[in-house]
């Protein structure tokens, strides 16, 4: 199956709580092996592929239907992070409190990432001031990222060098992976694989505090 035809059908949100401590922070080279395995299925290939669904033995704290915003009290608080943007400025998740935040993990070589970028840009424009899109690049250099941003016409913030604990928290073994933080800081939506506009639009229609019918 080619990457262009692959769709990660992950219709549930998955909440995990890895244990903290010295075993929690992986060295970069070890984590890179996990990403490669997730993207390429363990086989050598130059063709990027979409994210694989989690293995059956992954520890899952809770599996729920796609939640609405008024259920947020049932969901975990997002891990705060501070990363540098492509422009060299520091941006934290905490600084976005009071609005929805869509965090998207991506890379320039990821075909499904490329496919969903126009929709993410549309979201950032449609819900400007209500929903912030943050594109977290998976450790590529600025020289590779900048032409991609120009080509795709992206204006939302691009963050660099995500910390290992953030990647582990959201099971980033392949790309793309996305999650939504609500205005109170709760993780209320998570998607492994390409975001499908019709699916996400349906979720947005239930989200409290977002202007409807735009």
C-alpha atoms as a PDB file:
ATOM      1  CA  UNK A   1       0.000   0.000   0.000  1.00  0.00           C
ATOM      2  CA  UNK A   2       1.454   3.329  -1.016  1.00  0.00           C
ATOM      3  CA  UNK A   3       1.706   6.222   1.408  1.00  0.00           C
ATOM      4  CA  UNK A   4      -0.639   8.279  -0.750  1.00  0.00           C
ATOM      5  CA  UNK A   5      -3.436   5.738  -0.256  1.00  0.00           C
ATOM      6  CA  UNK A   6      -2.801   5.107   3.392  1.00  0.00           C
ATOM      7  CA  UNK A   7      -5.287   6.547   5.864  1.00  0.00           C
ATOM      8  CA  UNK A   8      -4.851   5.947   9.571  1.00  0.00           C
ATOM      9  CA  UNK A   9      -8.402   5.155  10.643  1.00  0.00           C
ATOM     10  CA  UNK A  10      -8.062   6.085  14.316  1.00  0.00           C
ATOM     11  CA  UNK A  11     -11.515   7.218  15.344  1.00  0.00           C
ATOM     12  CA  UNK A  12     -10.864   7.266  19.079  1.00  0.00           C
ATOM     13  CA  UNK A  13      -8.815   9.517  21.273  1.00  0.00           C
ATOM     14  CA  UNK A  14      -6.083   7.772  23.260  1.00  0.00           C
ATOM     15  CA  UNK A  15      -4.826   9.131  26.544  1.00  0.00           C
ATOM     16  CA  UNK A  16      -1.585   7.753  27.943  1.00  0.00           C
ATOM     17  CA  UNK A  17       0.342   8.569  31.066  1.00  0.00           C
ATOM     18  CA  UNK A  18       3.919   7.251  30.830  1.00  0.00           C
ATOM     19  CA  UNK A  19       5.793   7.045  34.115  1.00  0.00           C
ATOM     20  CA  UNK A  20       8.244   9.818  34.911  1.00  0.00           C
ATOM     21  CA  UNK A  21      11.866   9.420  35.892  1.00  0.00           C
ATOM     22  CA  UNK A  22      15.208   8.682  34.304  1.00  0.00           C
ATOM     23  CA  UNK A  23      13.802   5.957  32.054  1.00  0.00           C
ATOM     24  CA  UNK A  24      11.282   8.400  30.611  1.00  0.00           C
ATOM     25  CA  UNK A  25      13.670  10.624  28.679  1.00  0.00           C
ATOM     26  CA  UNK A  26      15.136   8.690  25.763  1.00  0.00           C
ATOM     27  CA  UNK A  27      18.413   9.680  24.107  1.00  0.00           C
ATOM     28  CA  UNK A  28      17.753  11.232  20.729  1.00  0.00           C
ATOM     29  CA  UNK A  29      19.290   8.356  18.733  1.00  0.00           C
ATOM     30  CA  UNK A  30      17.095   5.802  20.510  1.00  0.00           C
ATOM     31  CA  UNK A  31      13.967   7.844  19.913  1.00  0.00           C
ATOM     32  CA  UNK A  32      14.962   8.334  16.269  1.00  0.00           C
ATOM     33  CA  UNK A  33      14.953   4.550  15.837  1.00  0.00           C
ATOM     34  CA  UNK A  34      11.372   4.428  17.135  1.00  0.00           C
ATOM     35  CA  UNK A  35      10.306   7.121  14.657  1.00  0.00           C
ATOM     36  CA  UNK A  36      11.992   5.336  11.768  1.00  0.00           C
ATOM     37  CA  UNK A  37      10.303   2.080  12.743  1.00  0.00           C
ATOM     38  CA  UNK A  38       6.939   3.826  12.964  1.00  0.00           C
ATOM     39  CA  UNK A  39       7.252   5.560   9.610  1.00  0.00           C
ATOM     40  CA  UNK A  40       8.833   2.764   7.595  1.00  0.00           C
ATOM     41  CA  UNK A  41       7.392  -0.304   9.258  1.00  0.00           C
ATOM     42  CA  UNK A  42      10.840  -1.692   9.964  1.00  0.00           C
ATOM     43  CA  UNK A  43      11.757  -1.999   6.273  1.00  0.00           C
ATOM     44  CA  UNK A  44      14.351   0.063   4.478  1.00  0.00           C
ATOM     45  CA  UNK A  45      12.673   2.494   2.096  1.00  0.00           C
ATOM     46  CA  UNK A  46      13.133   6.001   0.772  1.00  0.00           C
ATOM     47  CA  UNK A  47       9.358   6.552   0.533  1.00  0.00           C
ATOM     48  CA  UNK A  48       7.776   8.227   3.569  1.00  0.00           C
ATOM     49  CA  UNK A  49       4.652   6.647   4.962  1.00  0.00           C
ATOM     50  CA  UNK A  50       1.836   7.671   7.313  1.00  0.00           C
ATOM     51  CA  UNK A  51       1.746   6.934  11.008  1.00  0.00           C
ATOM     52  CA  UNK A  52       1.065   3.418  12.152  1.00  0.00           C
ATOM     53  CA  UNK A  53      -1.638   2.801  14.746  1.00  0.00           C
ATOM     54  CA  UNK A  54      -0.297   1.869  18.206  1.00  0.00           C
ATOM     55  CA  UNK A  55       0.594  -1.777  18.757  1.00  0.00           C
ATOM     56  CA  UNK A  56      -1.956  -3.892  20.573  1.00  0.00           C
ATOM     57  CA  UNK A  57       0.209  -4.158  23.680  1.00  0.00           C
ATOM     58  CA  UNK A  58       0.595  -0.415  24.165  1.00  0.00           C
ATOM     59  CA  UNK A  59      -0.474   0.591  27.658  1.00  0.00           C
ATOM     60  CA  UNK A  60      -3.640   2.661  27.323  1.00  0.00           C
ATOM     61  CA  UNK A  61      -4.996   4.502  30.329  1.00  0.00           C
ATOM     62  CA  UNK A  62      -8.347   5.284  28.744  1.00  0.00           C
ATOM     63  CA  UNK A  63      -9.952   4.946  25.323  1.00  0.00           C
ATOM     64  CA  UNK A  64     -12.937   7.167  24.655  1.00  0.00           C
ATOM     65  CA  UNK A  65     -15.077   8.391  21.803  1.00  0.00           C
ATOM     66  CA  UNK A  66     -14.067  11.730  20.324  1.00  0.00           C
ATOM     67  CA  UNK A  67     -14.930  14.093  23.195  1.00  0.00           C
ATOM     68  CA  UNK A  68     -16.690  17.413  23.243  1.00  0.00           C
ATOM     69  CA  UNK A  69     -15.250  20.432  25.000  1.00  0.00           C
ATOM     70  CA  UNK A  70     -17.717  20.286  27.893  1.00  0.00           C
ATOM     71  CA  UNK A  71     -16.249  16.902  28.872  1.00  0.00           C
ATOM     72  CA  UNK A  72     -12.809  18.418  29.392  1.00  0.00           C
ATOM     73  CA  UNK A  73     -12.843  17.887  33.157  1.00  0.00           C
ATOM     74  CA  UNK A  74     -12.509  14.140  32.471  1.00  0.00           C
ATOM     75  CA  UNK A  75      -9.269  14.506  30.509  1.00  0.00           C
ATOM     76  CA  UNK A  76      -5.632  15.039  31.488  1.00  0.00           C
ATOM     77  CA  UNK A  77      -3.904  18.391  31.465  1.00  0.00           C
ATOM     78  CA  UNK A  78      -1.487  18.919  28.616  1.00  0.00           C
ATOM     79  CA  UNK A  79       2.240  18.910  29.282  1.00  0.00           C
ATOM     80  CA  UNK A  80       3.542  22.455  28.998  1.00  0.00           C
ATOM     81  CA  UNK A  81       6.431  23.003  26.609  1.00  0.00           C
ATOM     82  CA  UNK A  82       8.580  25.829  25.349  1.00  0.00           C
ATOM     83  CA  UNK A  83      10.198  25.545  21.927  1.00  0.00           C
ATOM     84  CA  UNK A  84      11.908  27.856  19.500  1.00  0.00           C
ATOM     85  CA  UNK A  85       9.997  28.919  16.426  1.00  0.00           C
ATOM     86  CA  UNK A  86      11.425  28.963  12.934  1.00  0.00           C
ATOM     87  CA  UNK A  87      11.827  32.715  13.466  1.00  0.00           C
ATOM     88  CA  UNK A  88      13.991  32.151  16.546  1.00  0.00           C
ATOM     89  CA  UNK A  89      11.432  33.204  19.158  1.00  0.00           C
ATOM     90  CA  UNK A  90      10.439  31.132  22.196  1.00  0.00           C
ATOM     91  CA  UNK A  91       6.820  29.964  22.328  1.00  0.00           C
ATOM     92  CA  UNK A  92       5.186  28.025  25.169  1.00  0.00           C
ATOM     93  CA  UNK A  93       1.943  26.109  25.253  1.00  0.00           C
ATOM     94  CA  UNK A  94       1.054  27.925  28.488  1.00  0.00           C
ATOM     95  CA  UNK A  95       1.129  31.239  26.613  1.00  0.00           C
ATOM     96  CA  UNK A  96      -1.826  30.030  24.523  1.00  0.00           C
ATOM     97  CA  UNK A  97      -4.090  29.356  27.520  1.00  0.00           C
ATOM     98  CA  UNK A  98      -7.619  30.650  26.959  1.00  0.00           C
ATOM     99  CA  UNK A  99      -7.951  29.384  23.401  1.00  0.00           C
ATOM    100  CA  UNK A 100      -7.930  26.029  21.635  1.00  0.00           C
ATOM    101  CA  UNK A 101      -4.526  24.830  20.426  1.00  0.00           C
ATOM    102  CA  UNK A 102      -3.999  22.225  17.711  1.00  0.00           C
ATOM    103  CA  UNK A 103      -0.511  20.739  17.999  1.00  0.00           C
ATOM    104  CA  UNK A 104       0.613  18.898  14.872  1.00  0.00           C
ATOM    105  CA  UNK A 105       3.816  16.817  14.625  1.00  0.00           C
ATOM    106  CA  UNK A 106       5.148  16.725  11.072  1.00  0.00           C
ATOM    107  CA  UNK A 107       8.173  16.577   8.753  1.00  0.00           C
ATOM    108  CA  UNK A 108       8.860  17.710   5.203  1.00  0.00           C
ATOM    109  CA  UNK A 109       9.395  14.132   3.958  1.00  0.00           C
ATOM    110  CA  UNK A 110       6.027  12.928   5.329  1.00  0.00           C
ATOM    111  CA  UNK A 111       3.491  12.593   2.485  1.00  0.00           C
ATOM    112  CA  UNK A 112       0.344  12.624   4.698  1.00  0.00           C
ATOM    113  CA  UNK A 113       1.767  15.674   6.515  1.00  0.00           C
ATOM    114  CA  UNK A 114       1.972  17.501   3.210  1.00  0.00           C
ATOM    115  CA  UNK A 115      -1.591  16.505   2.357  1.00  0.00           C
ATOM    116  CA  UNK A 116      -3.053  17.918   5.585  1.00  0.00           C
ATOM    117  CA  UNK A 117      -1.093  21.194   5.612  1.00  0.00           C
ATOM    118  CA  UNK A 118      -3.562  23.192   3.457  1.00  0.00           C
ATOM    119  CA  UNK A 119      -6.371  22.227   5.842  1.00  0.00           C
ATOM    120  CA  UNK A 120      -4.310  23.206   8.896  1.00  0.00           C
ATOM    121  CA  UNK A 121      -3.595  26.569   7.286  1.00  0.00           C
ATOM    122  CA  UNK A 122      -7.318  26.983   6.591  1.00  0.00           C
ATOM    123  CA  UNK A 123      -8.098  26.260  10.246  1.00  0.00           C
ATOM    124  CA  UNK A 124      -5.575  28.840  11.440  1.00  0.00           C
ATOM    125  CA  UNK A 125      -7.216  31.486   9.247  1.00  0.00           C
ATOM    126  CA  UNK A 126     -10.846  30.516   9.875  1.00  0.00           C
ATOM    127  CA  UNK A 127     -10.501  30.396  13.663  1.00  0.00           C
ATOM    128  CA  UNK A 128      -7.921  33.152  14.083  1.00  0.00           C
ATOM    129  CA  UNK A 129      -7.905  34.225  17.734  1.00  0.00           C
ATOM    130  CA  UNK A 130      -9.918  31.194  18.841  1.00  0.00           C
ATOM    131  CA  UNK A 131      -7.756  28.258  17.755  1.00  0.00           C
ATOM    132  CA  UNK A 132      -3.981  28.354  17.349  1.00  0.00           C
ATOM    133  CA  UNK A 133      -2.281  25.833  15.086  1.00  0.00           C
ATOM    134  CA  UNK A 134       1.266  24.906  16.124  1.00  0.00           C
ATOM    135  CA  UNK A 135       3.313  22.847  13.670  1.00  0.00           C
ATOM    136  CA  UNK A 136       5.996  20.906  15.557  1.00  0.00           C
ATOM    137  CA  UNK A 137       8.681  19.800  13.111  1.00  0.00           C
ATOM    138  CA  UNK A 138      10.448  16.556  13.899  1.00  0.00           C
ATOM    139  CA  UNK A 139      14.051  17.767  14.171  1.00  0.00           C
ATOM    140  CA  UNK A 140      14.819  18.908  10.640  1.00  0.00           C
ATOM    141  CA  UNK A 141      17.046  21.928  10.069  1.00  0.00           C
ATOM    142  CA  UNK A 142      15.743  25.345   9.126  1.00  0.00           C
ATOM    143  CA  UNK A 143      17.310  25.166   5.663  1.00  0.00           C
ATOM    144  CA  UNK A 144      15.092  22.213   4.829  1.00  0.00           C
ATOM    145  CA  UNK A 145      11.970  23.535   6.548  1.00  0.00           C
ATOM    146  CA  UNK A 146      11.880  27.100   5.184  1.00  0.00           C
ATOM    147  CA  UNK A 147      11.348  26.205   1.492  1.00  0.00           C
ATOM    148  CA  UNK A 148       8.547  23.828   2.470  1.00  0.00           C
ATOM    149  CA  UNK A 149       6.808  26.561   4.478  1.00  0.00           C
ATOM    150  CA  UNK A 150       7.059  28.965   1.548  1.00  0.00           C
ATOM    151  CA  UNK A 151       5.797  26.374  -0.917  1.00  0.00           C
ATOM    152  CA  UNK A 152       2.773  25.513   1.233  1.00  0.00           C
ATOM    153  CA  UNK A 153       2.047  29.151   2.161  1.00  0.00           C
ATOM    154  CA  UNK A 154       1.971  28.422   5.892  1.00  0.00           C
ATOM    155  CA  UNK A 155       1.629  31.317   8.324  1.00  0.00           C
ATOM    156  CA  UNK A 156       1.035  29.518  11.641  1.00  0.00           C
ATOM    157  CA  UNK A 157       3.993  29.067  14.041  1.00  0.00           C
ATOM    158  CA  UNK A 158       6.484  26.307  13.276  1.00  0.00           C
ATOM    159  CA  UNK A 159       8.241  24.901  16.337  1.00  0.00           C
ATOM    160  CA  UNK A 160      11.583  23.085  16.353  1.00  0.00           C
ATOM    161  CA  UNK A 161      13.225  20.281  18.356  1.00  0.00           C
ATOM    162  CA  UNK A 162      10.368  18.814  20.444  1.00  0.00           C
ATOM    163  CA  UNK A 163      11.479  17.304  23.776  1.00  0.00           C
ATOM    164  CA  UNK A 164      11.463  13.521  24.099  1.00  0.00           C
ATOM    165  CA  UNK A 165       8.847  13.454  26.858  1.00  0.00           C
ATOM    166  CA  UNK A 166       6.364  15.311  24.650  1.00  0.00           C
ATOM    167  CA  UNK A 167       6.848  12.814  21.831  1.00  0.00           C
ATOM    168  CA  UNK A 168       6.495   9.885  24.219  1.00  0.00           C
ATOM    169  CA  UNK A 169       3.381  11.361  25.838  1.00  0.00           C
ATOM    170  CA  UNK A 170       1.563  11.446  22.499  1.00  0.00           C
ATOM    171  CA  UNK A 171       2.895   8.165  21.041  1.00  0.00           C
ATOM    172  CA  UNK A 172       4.749   9.881  18.205  1.00  0.00           C
ATOM    173  CA  UNK A 173       6.183   6.763  16.572  1.00  0.00           C
ATOM    174  CA  UNK A 174       5.248   7.849  13.074  1.00  0.00           C
ATOM    175  CA  UNK A 175       3.887  10.967  11.412  1.00  0.00           C
ATOM    176  CA  UNK A 176       1.632  12.864  11.405  1.00  0.00           C
ATOM    177  CA  UNK A 177       0.249  12.975  14.942  1.00  0.00           C
ATOM    178  CA  UNK A 178      -1.970  15.766  16.280  1.00  0.00           C
ATOM    179  CA  UNK A 179      -3.734  16.705  19.498  1.00  0.00           C
ATOM    180  CA  UNK A 180      -5.976  19.527  20.678  1.00  0.00           C
ATOM    181  CA  UNK A 181      -5.709  21.387  23.975  1.00  0.00           C
ATOM    182  CA  UNK A 182      -8.819  23.228  25.111  1.00  0.00           C
ATOM    183  CA  UNK A 183      -8.848  26.721  26.719  1.00  0.00           C
ATOM    184  CA  UNK A 184      -8.471  25.201  30.200  1.00  0.00           C
ATOM    185  CA  UNK A 185      -5.352  23.258  29.198  1.00  0.00           C
ATOM    186  CA  UNK A 186      -6.944  19.790  28.890  1.00  0.00           C
ATOM    187  CA  UNK A 187      -6.078  17.434  26.033  1.00  0.00           C
ATOM    188  CA  UNK A 188      -9.497  16.810  24.474  1.00  0.00           C
ATOM    189  CA  UNK A 189      -8.660  15.285  21.093  1.00  0.00           C
ATOM    190  CA  UNK A 190      -5.835  13.195  19.685  1.00  0.00           C
ATOM    191  CA  UNK A 191      -5.297  11.866  16.179  1.00  0.00           C
ATOM    192  CA  UNK A 192      -2.728   9.359  14.959  1.00  0.00           C
ATOM    193  CA  UNK A 193      -2.436   9.763  11.191  1.00  0.00           C
ATOM    194  CA  UNK A 194      -3.649  12.376   8.744  1.00  0.00           C
ATOM    195  CA  UNK A 195      -6.373  14.736   9.967  1.00  0.00           C
ATOM    196  CA  UNK A 196      -9.428  14.306   7.757  1.00  0.00           C
ATOM    197  CA  UNK A 197     -11.306  17.598   7.254  1.00  0.00           C
ATOM    198  CA  UNK A 198     -14.786  16.075   7.454  1.00  0.00           C
ATOM    199  CA  UNK A 199     -13.878  14.256  10.666  1.00  0.00           C
ATOM    200  CA  UNK A 200     -12.274  17.237  12.361  1.00  0.00           C
ATOM    201  CA  UNK A 201     -14.941  19.674  11.176  1.00  0.00           C
ATOM    202  CA  UNK A 202     -17.505  17.442  12.863  1.00  0.00           C
ATOM    203  CA  UNK A 203     -15.548  17.601  16.112  1.00  0.00           C
ATOM    204  CA  UNK A 204     -15.154  21.380  15.863  1.00  0.00           C
ATOM    205  CA  UNK A 205     -18.919  21.746  15.522  1.00  0.00           C
ATOM    206  CA  UNK A 206     -19.226  20.343  19.062  1.00  0.00           C
ATOM    207  CA  UNK A 207     -16.450  22.432  20.615  1.00  0.00           C
ATOM    208  CA  UNK A 208     -17.586  25.082  23.060  1.00  0.00           C
ATOM    209  CA  UNK A 209     -16.391  28.625  22.473  1.00  0.00           C
ATOM    210  CA  UNK A 210     -15.705  28.414  18.740  1.00  0.00           C
ATOM    211  CA  UNK A 211     -17.699  30.550  16.332  1.00  0.00           C
ATOM    212  CA  UNK A 212     -19.875  28.311  14.185  1.00  0.00           C
ATOM    213  CA  UNK A 213     -21.004  28.561  10.583  1.00  0.00           C
ATOM    214  CA  UNK A 214     -17.960  30.308   9.218  1.00  0.00           C
END
